[in-house]
C-alpha atoms as a PDB file:
ATOM      1  CA  MET A   1     -16.287  59.607  43.648  1.00  0.00           C
ATOM      2  CA  ALA A   2     -17.541  57.031  46.148  1.00  0.00           C
ATOM      3  CA  VAL A   3     -19.988  55.635  43.593  1.00  0.00           C
ATOM      4  CA  ILE A   4     -17.206  55.201  41.020  1.00  0.00           C
ATOM      5  CA  SER A   5     -15.014  53.535  43.639  1.00  0.00           C
ATOM      6  CA  VAL A   6     -17.801  51.111  44.588  1.00  0.00           C
ATOM      7  CA  LEU A   7     -18.503  50.425  40.931  1.00  0.00           C
ATOM      8  CA  PHE A   8     -14.843  49.630  40.134  1.00  0.00           C
ATOM      9  CA  SER A   9     -14.569  47.494  43.282  1.00  0.00           C
ATOM     10  CA  SER A  10     -17.655  45.539  42.232  1.00  0.00           C
ATOM     11  CA  VAL A  11     -16.325  45.000  38.718  1.00  0.00           C
ATOM     12  CA  TYR A  12     -12.963  43.886  40.131  1.00  0.00           C
ATOM     13  CA  TRP A  13     -14.695  41.454  42.521  1.00  0.00           C
ATOM     14  CA  LEU A  14     -16.848  40.022  39.714  1.00  0.00           C
ATOM     15  CA  ILE A  15     -13.826  39.515  37.456  1.00  0.00           C
ATOM     16  CA  ASN A  16     -11.779  37.973  40.260  1.00  0.00           C
ATOM     17  CA  HIS A  17     -14.610  35.707  41.448  1.00  0.00           C
ATOM     18  CA  GLY A  18     -15.538  34.769  37.880  1.00  0.00           C
ATOM     19  CA  SER A  19     -11.987  33.810  36.999  1.00  0.00           C
ATOM     20  CA  LYS A  20     -11.708  31.622  40.114  1.00  0.00           C
ATOM     21  CA  ALA A  21     -14.977  29.871  39.259  1.00  0.00           C
ATOM     22  CA  PHE A  22     -13.866  29.482  35.633  1.00  0.00           C
ATOM     23  CA  ASN A  23     -10.499  27.993  36.673  1.00  0.00           C
ATOM     24  CA  LYS A  24     -12.241  25.607  39.065  1.00  0.00           C
ATOM     25  CA  ASN A  25     -14.588  24.413  36.317  1.00  0.00           C
ATOM     26  CA  ILE A  26     -11.768  24.041  33.800  1.00  0.00           C
ATOM     27  CA  ASN A  27      -9.632  22.099  36.297  1.00  0.00           C
ATOM     28  CA  SER A  28     -12.483  19.744  37.161  1.00  0.00           C
ATOM     29  CA  ALA A  29     -13.230  19.206  33.463  1.00  0.00           C
ATOM     30  CA  LEU A  30      -9.590  18.562  32.537  1.00  0.00           C
ATOM     31  CA  LYS A  31      -8.708  16.381  35.540  1.00  0.00           C
ATOM     32  CA  PRO A  32      -9.668  13.062  33.859  1.00  0.00           C
ATOM     33  CA  PHE A  33      -7.596  13.987  30.809  1.00  0.00           C
ATOM     34  CA  SER A  34      -4.665  14.890  33.013  1.00  0.00           C
ATOM     35  CA  GLU A  35      -4.855  11.525  34.778  1.00  0.00           C
ATOM     36  CA  GLN A  36      -5.069   9.698  31.470  1.00  0.00           C
ATOM     37  CA  LEU A  37      -2.049  11.594  30.170  1.00  0.00           C
ATOM     38  CA  ARG A  38      -0.062  10.666  33.285  1.00  0.00           C
ATOM     39  CA  THR A  39      -1.022   7.013  32.821  1.00  0.00           C
ATOM     40  CA  LEU A  40      -0.140   7.157  29.135  1.00  0.00           C
ATOM     41  CA  ASN A  41       3.222   8.733  29.935  1.00  0.00           C
ATOM     42  CA  ALA A  42       3.990   6.005  32.475  1.00  0.00           C
ATOM     43  CA  ASN A  43       3.033   3.308  29.968  1.00  0.00           C
ATOM     44  CA  ILE A  44       5.213   4.870  27.280  1.00  0.00           C
ATOM     45  CA  GLN A  45       8.157   4.944  29.685  1.00  0.00           C
ATOM     46  CA  LYS A  46       7.617   1.248  30.476  1.00  0.00           C
ATOM     47  CA  LEU A  47       7.395   0.497  26.763  1.00  0.00           C
ATOM     48  CA  ASN A  48      10.652   2.360  26.112  1.00  0.00           C
ATOM     49  CA  ALA A  49      12.363   0.378  28.859  1.00  0.00           C
ATOM     50  CA  SER A  50      11.046  -2.810  27.302  1.00  0.00           C
ATOM     51  CA  PHE A  51      12.336  -1.761  23.882  1.00  0.00           C
ATOM     52  CA  ASP A  52      15.749  -1.047  25.392  1.00  0.00           C
ATOM     53  CA  LYS A  53      15.825  -4.554  26.883  1.00  0.00           C
ATOM     54  CA  GLN A  54      14.715  -6.042  23.572  1.00  0.00           C
ATOM     55  CA  GLN A  55      17.460  -4.135  21.760  1.00  0.00           C
ATOM     56  CA  ALA A  56      20.113  -5.362  24.195  1.00  0.00           C
ATOM     57  CA  ASN A  57      18.874  -8.949  23.863  1.00  0.00           C
ATOM     58  CA  PHE A  58      18.848  -8.649  20.085  1.00  0.00           C
ATOM     59  CA  GLU A  59      22.399  -7.344  19.996  1.00  0.00           C
ATOM     60  CA  ARG A  60      23.585 -10.163  22.266  1.00  0.00           C
ATOM     61  CA  LEU A  61      21.795 -12.714  20.086  1.00  0.00           C
ATOM     62  CA  GLU A  62      23.263 -11.165  16.941  1.00  0.00           C
ATOM     63  CA  LYS A  63      26.782 -11.567  18.361  1.00  0.00           C
ATOM     64  CA  ARG A  64      26.085 -15.230  19.137  1.00  0.00           C
ATOM     65  CA  VAL A  65      24.746 -15.849  15.649  1.00  0.00           C
ATOM     66  CA  ASP A  66      27.845 -14.242  14.136  1.00  0.00           C
ATOM     67  CA  GLU A  67      30.053 -16.439  16.308  1.00  0.00           C
ATOM     68  CA  HIS A  68      28.156 -19.564  15.267  1.00  0.00           C
ATOM     69  CA  ASP A  69      28.347 -18.495  11.633  1.00  0.00           C
ATOM     70  CA  ARG A  70      32.128 -18.189  11.871  1.00  0.00           C
ATOM     71  CA  ARG A  71      32.341 -21.608  13.526  1.00  0.00           C
ATOM     72  CA  LEU A  72      30.178 -23.097  10.787  1.00  0.00           C
ATOM     73  CA  ASP A  73      32.451 -21.572   8.143  1.00  0.00           C
ATOM     74  CA  ARG A  74      35.521 -23.081   9.847  1.00  0.00           C
ATOM     75  CA  HIS A  75      33.852 -26.492  10.046  1.00  0.00           C
ATOM     76  CA  HIS A  76      32.879 -26.260   6.395  1.00  0.00           C
ATOM     77  CA  GLU A  77      36.495 -25.467   5.481  1.00  0.00           C
ATOM     78  CA  LYS A  78      37.738 -28.417   7.569  1.00  0.00           C
ATOM     79  CA  ILE A  79      35.248 -30.774   5.931  1.00  0.00           C
ATOM     80  CA  ASN A  80      36.231 -29.562   2.464  1.00  0.00           C
ATOM     81  CA  ALA A  81      39.909 -29.958   3.334  1.00  0.00           C
ATOM     82  CA  LEU A  82      39.281 -33.448   4.703  1.00  0.00           C
ATOM     83  CA  PHE A  83      37.291 -34.660   1.721  1.00  0.00           C
ATOM     84  CA  GLY A  84      39.565 -32.821  -0.684  1.00  0.00           C
ATOM     85  CA  LYS A  85      42.568 -34.788   0.634  1.00  0.00           C
ATOM     86  CA  ARG A  86      40.665 -38.080   0.326  1.00  0.00           C
ATOM     87  CA  GLY A  87      39.659 -37.421  -3.237  1.00  0.00           C
ATOM     88  CA  ARG A  88      43.263 -36.920  -4.429  1.00  0.00           C
END
């Protein structure tokens, strides 16, 4: 019974020790990838913020262009009305 107990204890220790060593090796191998993923995530967040700013600027510019287009249409109508009266 003691031999079986020692045998199972040894197997348990080997499995436990082996898994710790395996996890340590995996973590050290994946650490550079983890850092690169964190950097990539930060860069994507900055890019998204930049796109949001670009979108807001575009919308503001689009409103200004629409306003100028309406003004141009009114001026065109005034010019046509002015020259139309002269021609009569």
